[in-house]
Amino acid sequence: MTLEGLVREFAENVAAQTDAIFQVGADPEDKYGDRYIAAFDELRAQGNKGREALCILLKHPRMDVRATAAAFLLRYRTAAAGAVLEEAAKGEGLVAFGAQQTLRGWEEGVWDLDPE
C-alpha cells in the first residue's frame, strides 16, 4: 500500500472507531483500533518518510483524527503535535480525555507510541 493509502487507512479507522464507540450495542472488539495501529506500524517502518506522510492528518477536519495522529507524532513533530493535543484537551468528551492523558504521559516520560 502507498504512503497515502496508509494515511487514509489510519484516518478512516480512527473515525470509524470513534463513531462505533457511540453506537448502541457496539461490538467490544476493537477492529478499527487494530487497523489504524497496523497502518501506523507500516508508516513507521518507512522511517521519517512515513511519519511525515502522517503529518497531513494534523490538519484533518475531524478532531479525533487530528488528536490521534498527534499522539503518534509527538516525538517526531513535538511542537505541532503538542499544539493539536492542547487544543483537543480543552474540549469535552472522549477525544479531550484522550488528549489530556497523552499529554500527561508525555510530560511524565511514559509516552511510548513511537519509540526511537
N, C-alpha and C. Protein backbone atom coordinates (compact mmCIF):
# COMPACT_ATOMS: atom_id res chain seq x y z
N MET A 1 0.85 -1.18 0.00
CA MET A 1 0.00 0.00 0.00
C MET A 1 0.89 1.25 0.00
N THR A 2 0.46 2.28 -0.68
CA THR A 2 1.22 3.53 -0.74
C THR A 2 1.17 4.25 0.60
N LEU A 3 2.05 5.22 0.77
CA LEU A 3 2.01 6.04 1.99
C LEU A 3 0.66 6.74 2.12
N GLU A 4 0.17 7.27 1.01
CA GLU A 4 -1.13 7.97 1.04
C GLU A 4 -2.25 7.01 1.43
N GLY A 5 -2.18 5.79 0.94
CA GLY A 5 -3.17 4.78 1.28
C GLY A 5 -3.12 4.42 2.76
N LEU A 6 -1.92 4.33 3.31
CA LEU A 6 -1.77 4.03 4.74
C LEU A 6 -2.29 5.17 5.60
N VAL A 7 -2.04 6.40 5.17
CA VAL A 7 -2.55 7.56 5.90
C VAL A 7 -4.08 7.56 5.84
N ARG A 8 -4.63 7.27 4.69
CA ARG A 8 -6.09 7.20 4.55
C ARG A 8 -6.65 6.08 5.44
N GLU A 9 -5.99 4.94 5.46
CA GLU A 9 -6.40 3.81 6.31
C GLU A 9 -6.39 4.22 7.78
N PHE A 10 -5.36 4.93 8.19
CA PHE A 10 -5.26 5.41 9.57
C PHE A 10 -6.45 6.31 9.89
N ALA A 11 -6.67 7.32 9.06
CA ALA A 11 -7.73 8.30 9.32
C ALA A 11 -9.11 7.65 9.32
N GLU A 12 -9.37 6.82 8.33
CA GLU A 12 -10.69 6.19 8.23
C GLU A 12 -10.99 5.30 9.43
N ASN A 13 -9.99 4.61 9.92
CA ASN A 13 -10.22 3.70 11.05
C ASN A 13 -10.28 4.42 12.39
N VAL A 14 -9.57 5.53 12.53
CA VAL A 14 -9.75 6.35 13.74
C VAL A 14 -11.18 6.86 13.78
N ALA A 15 -11.65 7.41 12.67
CA ALA A 15 -13.02 7.94 12.61
C ALA A 15 -14.04 6.83 12.84
N ALA A 16 -13.83 5.68 12.24
CA ALA A 16 -14.76 4.56 12.41
C ALA A 16 -14.79 4.08 13.85
N GLN A 17 -13.63 4.06 14.50
CA GLN A 17 -13.58 3.65 15.90
C GLN A 17 -14.37 4.62 16.77
N THR A 18 -14.16 5.91 16.57
CA THR A 18 -14.88 6.92 17.34
C THR A 18 -16.38 6.77 17.13
N ASP A 19 -16.78 6.64 15.89
CA ASP A 19 -18.20 6.51 15.57
C ASP A 19 -18.79 5.24 16.19
N ALA A 20 -18.04 4.15 16.15
CA ALA A 20 -18.53 2.88 16.68
C ALA A 20 -18.72 2.92 18.19
N ILE A 21 -17.89 3.66 18.88
CA ILE A 21 -17.99 3.74 20.34
C ILE A 21 -19.36 4.25 20.77
N PHE A 22 -19.94 5.12 19.96
CA PHE A 22 -21.21 5.74 20.33
C PHE A 22 -22.43 5.04 19.74
N GLN A 23 -22.23 3.88 19.14
CA GLN A 23 -23.34 3.11 18.60
C GLN A 23 -23.93 2.21 19.69
N VAL A 24 -25.23 2.19 19.77
CA VAL A 24 -25.90 1.29 20.70
C VAL A 24 -25.57 -0.14 20.31
N GLY A 25 -25.17 -0.94 21.28
CA GLY A 25 -24.83 -2.33 21.00
C GLY A 25 -23.52 -2.50 20.27
N ALA A 26 -22.63 -1.54 20.42
CA ALA A 26 -21.35 -1.60 19.72
C ALA A 26 -20.59 -2.87 20.08
N ASP A 27 -19.91 -3.42 19.09
CA ASP A 27 -19.09 -4.60 19.27
C ASP A 27 -17.85 -4.22 20.08
N PRO A 28 -17.61 -4.92 21.20
CA PRO A 28 -16.45 -4.55 22.03
C PRO A 28 -15.10 -4.85 21.38
N GLU A 29 -15.10 -5.63 20.29
CA GLU A 29 -13.85 -5.91 19.59
C GLU A 29 -13.35 -4.62 18.94
N ASP A 30 -12.09 -4.33 19.13
CA ASP A 30 -11.54 -3.07 18.63
C ASP A 30 -10.85 -3.26 17.29
N LYS A 31 -11.63 -3.68 16.28
CA LYS A 31 -11.03 -3.93 14.97
C LYS A 31 -10.52 -2.65 14.33
N TYR A 32 -11.18 -1.52 14.57
CA TYR A 32 -10.73 -0.27 13.96
C TYR A 32 -9.41 0.19 14.59
N GLY A 33 -9.30 0.06 15.90
CA GLY A 33 -8.05 0.41 16.56
C GLY A 33 -6.91 -0.44 16.05
N ASP A 34 -7.16 -1.73 15.90
CA ASP A 34 -6.13 -2.63 15.37
C ASP A 34 -5.70 -2.19 13.98
N ARG A 35 -6.66 -1.74 13.18
CA ARG A 35 -6.37 -1.35 11.80
C ARG A 35 -5.55 -0.06 11.73
N TYR A 36 -5.90 0.95 12.54
CA TYR A 36 -5.12 2.18 12.43
C TYR A 36 -3.74 2.01 13.05
N ILE A 37 -3.63 1.17 14.06
CA ILE A 37 -2.31 0.90 14.63
C ILE A 37 -1.46 0.13 13.61
N ALA A 38 -2.06 -0.81 12.89
CA ALA A 38 -1.32 -1.53 11.85
C ALA A 38 -0.86 -0.58 10.74
N ALA A 39 -1.73 0.37 10.39
CA ALA A 39 -1.34 1.36 9.37
C ALA A 39 -0.17 2.19 9.88
N PHE A 40 -0.23 2.60 11.15
CA PHE A 40 0.89 3.37 11.70
C PHE A 40 2.17 2.54 11.71
N ASP A 41 2.06 1.28 12.08
CA ASP A 41 3.26 0.43 12.10
C ASP A 41 3.90 0.36 10.72
N GLU A 42 3.07 0.29 9.67
CA GLU A 42 3.61 0.26 8.31
C GLU A 42 4.23 1.60 7.93
N LEU A 43 3.59 2.69 8.37
CA LEU A 43 4.18 4.02 8.13
C LEU A 43 5.50 4.16 8.85
N ARG A 44 5.53 3.73 10.10
CA ARG A 44 6.76 3.82 10.90
C ARG A 44 7.88 2.99 10.29
N ALA A 45 7.53 1.87 9.67
CA ALA A 45 8.54 1.03 9.02
C ALA A 45 9.22 1.77 7.87
N GLN A 46 8.58 2.81 7.35
CA GLN A 46 9.17 3.64 6.29
C GLN A 46 10.05 4.75 6.86
N GLY A 47 10.19 4.79 8.18
CA GLY A 47 11.02 5.80 8.82
C GLY A 47 10.34 7.16 8.81
N ASN A 48 11.15 8.20 8.78
CA ASN A 48 10.60 9.55 8.83
C ASN A 48 9.76 9.90 7.61
N LYS A 49 9.98 9.22 6.51
CA LYS A 49 9.14 9.42 5.33
C LYS A 49 7.69 9.04 5.64
N GLY A 50 7.49 7.96 6.35
CA GLY A 50 6.16 7.53 6.75
C GLY A 50 5.56 8.46 7.78
N ARG A 51 6.36 8.88 8.75
CA ARG A 51 5.88 9.81 9.77
C ARG A 51 5.47 11.15 9.13
N GLU A 52 6.29 11.60 8.19
CA GLU A 52 6.00 12.86 7.51
C GLU A 52 4.67 12.76 6.76
N ALA A 53 4.42 11.63 6.15
CA ALA A 53 3.15 11.45 5.44
C ALA A 53 1.97 11.57 6.40
N LEU A 54 2.12 11.06 7.62
CA LEU A 54 1.05 11.12 8.62
C LEU A 54 0.78 12.54 9.10
N CYS A 55 1.77 13.41 8.98
CA CYS A 55 1.63 14.79 9.45
C CYS A 55 0.46 15.53 8.79
N ILE A 56 0.07 15.13 7.62
CA ILE A 56 -1.06 15.79 6.95
C ILE A 56 -2.32 15.71 7.81
N LEU A 57 -2.41 14.66 8.62
CA LEU A 57 -3.61 14.49 9.45
C LEU A 57 -3.67 15.46 10.63
N LEU A 58 -2.60 16.17 10.88
CA LEU A 58 -2.64 17.19 11.95
C LEU A 58 -3.57 18.34 11.58
N LYS A 59 -4.01 18.37 10.32
CA LYS A 59 -4.94 19.39 9.85
C LYS A 59 -6.26 18.77 9.37
N HIS A 60 -6.51 17.55 9.74
CA HIS A 60 -7.73 16.85 9.32
C HIS A 60 -8.96 17.56 9.89
N PRO A 61 -10.09 17.54 9.19
CA PRO A 61 -11.30 18.22 9.69
C PRO A 61 -11.85 17.63 11.00
N ARG A 62 -11.60 16.35 11.25
CA ARG A 62 -12.12 15.73 12.47
C ARG A 62 -11.08 15.80 13.58
N MET A 63 -11.50 16.30 14.74
CA MET A 63 -10.59 16.43 15.87
C MET A 63 -10.08 15.07 16.34
N ASP A 64 -10.91 14.04 16.31
CA ASP A 64 -10.45 12.73 16.76
C ASP A 64 -9.29 12.23 15.90
N VAL A 65 -9.37 12.45 14.60
CA VAL A 65 -8.29 12.04 13.70
C VAL A 65 -7.05 12.89 13.95
N ARG A 66 -7.22 14.21 14.08
CA ARG A 66 -6.07 15.09 14.35
C ARG A 66 -5.38 14.69 15.66
N ALA A 67 -6.16 14.49 16.71
CA ALA A 67 -5.59 14.20 18.02
C ALA A 67 -4.90 12.83 18.04
N THR A 68 -5.48 11.85 17.38
CA THR A 68 -4.85 10.53 17.36
C THR A 68 -3.54 10.57 16.57
N ALA A 69 -3.55 11.23 15.43
CA ALA A 69 -2.31 11.37 14.67
C ALA A 69 -1.27 12.12 15.51
N ALA A 70 -1.71 13.17 16.19
CA ALA A 70 -0.79 13.94 17.04
C ALA A 70 -0.19 13.07 18.14
N ALA A 71 -1.00 12.21 18.71
CA ALA A 71 -0.49 11.32 19.76
C ALA A 71 0.65 10.45 19.24
N PHE A 72 0.52 9.97 18.02
CA PHE A 72 1.56 9.11 17.45
C PHE A 72 2.75 9.92 16.93
N LEU A 73 2.57 11.21 16.72
CA LEU A 73 3.64 12.04 16.15
C LEU A 73 4.37 12.90 17.18
N LEU A 74 4.07 12.73 18.45
CA LEU A 74 4.66 13.61 19.48
C LEU A 74 6.20 13.65 19.44
N ARG A 75 6.83 12.51 19.31
CA ARG A 75 8.30 12.52 19.29
C ARG A 75 8.83 13.13 18.01
N TYR A 76 8.17 12.88 16.90
CA TYR A 76 8.66 13.32 15.60
C TYR A 76 8.39 14.80 15.34
N ARG A 77 7.22 15.27 15.69
CA ARG A 77 6.82 16.68 15.49
C ARG A 77 6.24 17.22 16.79
N THR A 78 7.10 17.35 17.78
CA THR A 78 6.67 17.66 19.14
C THR A 78 5.84 18.93 19.22
N ALA A 79 6.29 20.02 18.65
CA ALA A 79 5.57 21.29 18.77
C ALA A 79 4.21 21.24 18.09
N ALA A 80 4.17 20.79 16.85
CA ALA A 80 2.90 20.76 16.10
C ALA A 80 1.93 19.76 16.71
N ALA A 81 2.41 18.58 17.06
CA ALA A 81 1.54 17.56 17.65
C ALA A 81 1.06 18.01 19.03
N GLY A 82 1.96 18.61 19.80
CA GLY A 82 1.57 19.10 21.12
C GLY A 82 0.50 20.18 21.03
N ALA A 83 0.60 21.05 20.04
CA ALA A 83 -0.41 22.10 19.87
C ALA A 83 -1.77 21.50 19.55
N VAL A 84 -1.81 20.48 18.71
CA VAL A 84 -3.07 19.81 18.38
C VAL A 84 -3.66 19.17 19.65
N LEU A 85 -2.81 18.50 20.41
CA LEU A 85 -3.29 17.85 21.63
C LEU A 85 -3.76 18.85 22.67
N GLU A 86 -3.06 19.98 22.78
CA GLU A 86 -3.50 21.03 23.72
C GLU A 86 -4.88 21.55 23.32
N GLU A 87 -5.08 21.77 22.03
CA GLU A 87 -6.38 22.23 21.54
C GLU A 87 -7.47 21.20 21.86
N ALA A 88 -7.18 19.94 21.57
CA ALA A 88 -8.16 18.87 21.82
C ALA A 88 -8.46 18.74 23.31
N ALA A 89 -7.44 18.89 24.14
CA ALA A 89 -7.60 18.72 25.58
C ALA A 89 -8.52 19.77 26.20
N LYS A 90 -8.70 20.88 25.52
CA LYS A 90 -9.59 21.94 26.03
C LYS A 90 -11.06 21.61 25.83
N GLY A 91 -11.34 20.64 25.00
CA GLY A 91 -12.72 20.27 24.71
C GLY A 91 -13.32 19.40 25.79
N GLU A 92 -14.37 18.72 25.41
CA GLU A 92 -15.05 17.80 26.32
C GLU A 92 -15.17 16.45 25.65
N GLY A 93 -15.40 15.43 26.44
CA GLY A 93 -15.66 14.11 25.89
C GLY A 93 -14.42 13.25 25.75
N LEU A 94 -14.62 12.19 25.00
CA LEU A 94 -13.59 11.16 24.85
C LEU A 94 -12.31 11.67 24.20
N VAL A 95 -12.43 12.48 23.17
CA VAL A 95 -11.24 12.99 22.48
C VAL A 95 -10.42 13.88 23.42
N ALA A 96 -11.10 14.75 24.15
CA ALA A 96 -10.41 15.63 25.10
C ALA A 96 -9.71 14.81 26.18
N PHE A 97 -10.40 13.81 26.70
CA PHE A 97 -9.80 12.97 27.74
C PHE A 97 -8.56 12.25 27.20
N GLY A 98 -8.67 11.70 26.01
CA GLY A 98 -7.52 11.02 25.41
C GLY A 98 -6.34 11.96 25.21
N ALA A 99 -6.63 13.18 24.76
CA ALA A 99 -5.56 14.17 24.57
C ALA A 99 -4.91 14.53 25.90
N GLN A 100 -5.72 14.70 26.92
CA GLN A 100 -5.19 15.02 28.25
C GLN A 100 -4.28 13.90 28.75
N GLN A 101 -4.72 12.66 28.57
CA GLN A 101 -3.92 11.51 29.02
C GLN A 101 -2.63 11.39 28.23
N THR A 102 -2.69 11.65 26.94
CA THR A 102 -1.49 11.59 26.11
C THR A 102 -0.49 12.65 26.57
N LEU A 103 -0.97 13.86 26.79
CA LEU A 103 -0.07 14.93 27.25
C LEU A 103 0.52 14.60 28.62
N ARG A 104 -0.28 14.04 29.49
CA ARG A 104 0.22 13.66 30.82
C ARG A 104 1.31 12.60 30.68
N GLY A 105 1.08 11.60 29.83
CA GLY A 105 2.08 10.57 29.61
C GLY A 105 3.37 11.13 29.04
N TRP A 106 3.24 12.08 28.13
CA TRP A 106 4.42 12.74 27.55
C TRP A 106 5.20 13.49 28.63
N GLU A 107 4.49 14.26 29.44
CA GLU A 107 5.14 15.04 30.50
C GLU A 107 5.79 14.14 31.55
N GLU A 108 5.20 13.00 31.82
CA GLU A 108 5.74 12.08 32.82
C GLU A 108 6.80 11.14 32.26
N GLY A 109 7.03 11.23 30.96
CA GLY A 109 8.07 10.41 30.34
C GLY A 109 7.67 8.96 30.10
N VAL A 110 6.37 8.67 30.08
CA VAL A 110 5.93 7.29 29.87
C VAL A 110 5.27 7.09 28.50
N TRP A 111 5.19 8.15 27.70
CA TRP A 111 4.62 8.04 26.35
C TRP A 111 5.52 7.12 25.54
N ASP A 112 4.91 6.19 24.80
CA ASP A 112 5.73 5.24 24.04
C ASP A 112 5.06 4.76 22.75
N LEU A 113 4.30 5.63 22.11
CA LEU A 113 3.60 5.22 20.89
C LEU A 113 4.53 5.09 19.69
N ASP A 114 5.63 5.79 19.69
CA ASP A 114 6.58 5.71 18.57
C ASP A 114 8.00 5.78 19.14
N PRO A 115 8.42 4.69 19.77
CA PRO A 115 9.78 4.70 20.34
C PRO A 115 10.84 4.83 19.26
N GLU A 116 11.96 5.37 19.63
CA GLU A 116 13.05 5.54 18.67
C GLU A 116 13.66 4.22 18.30
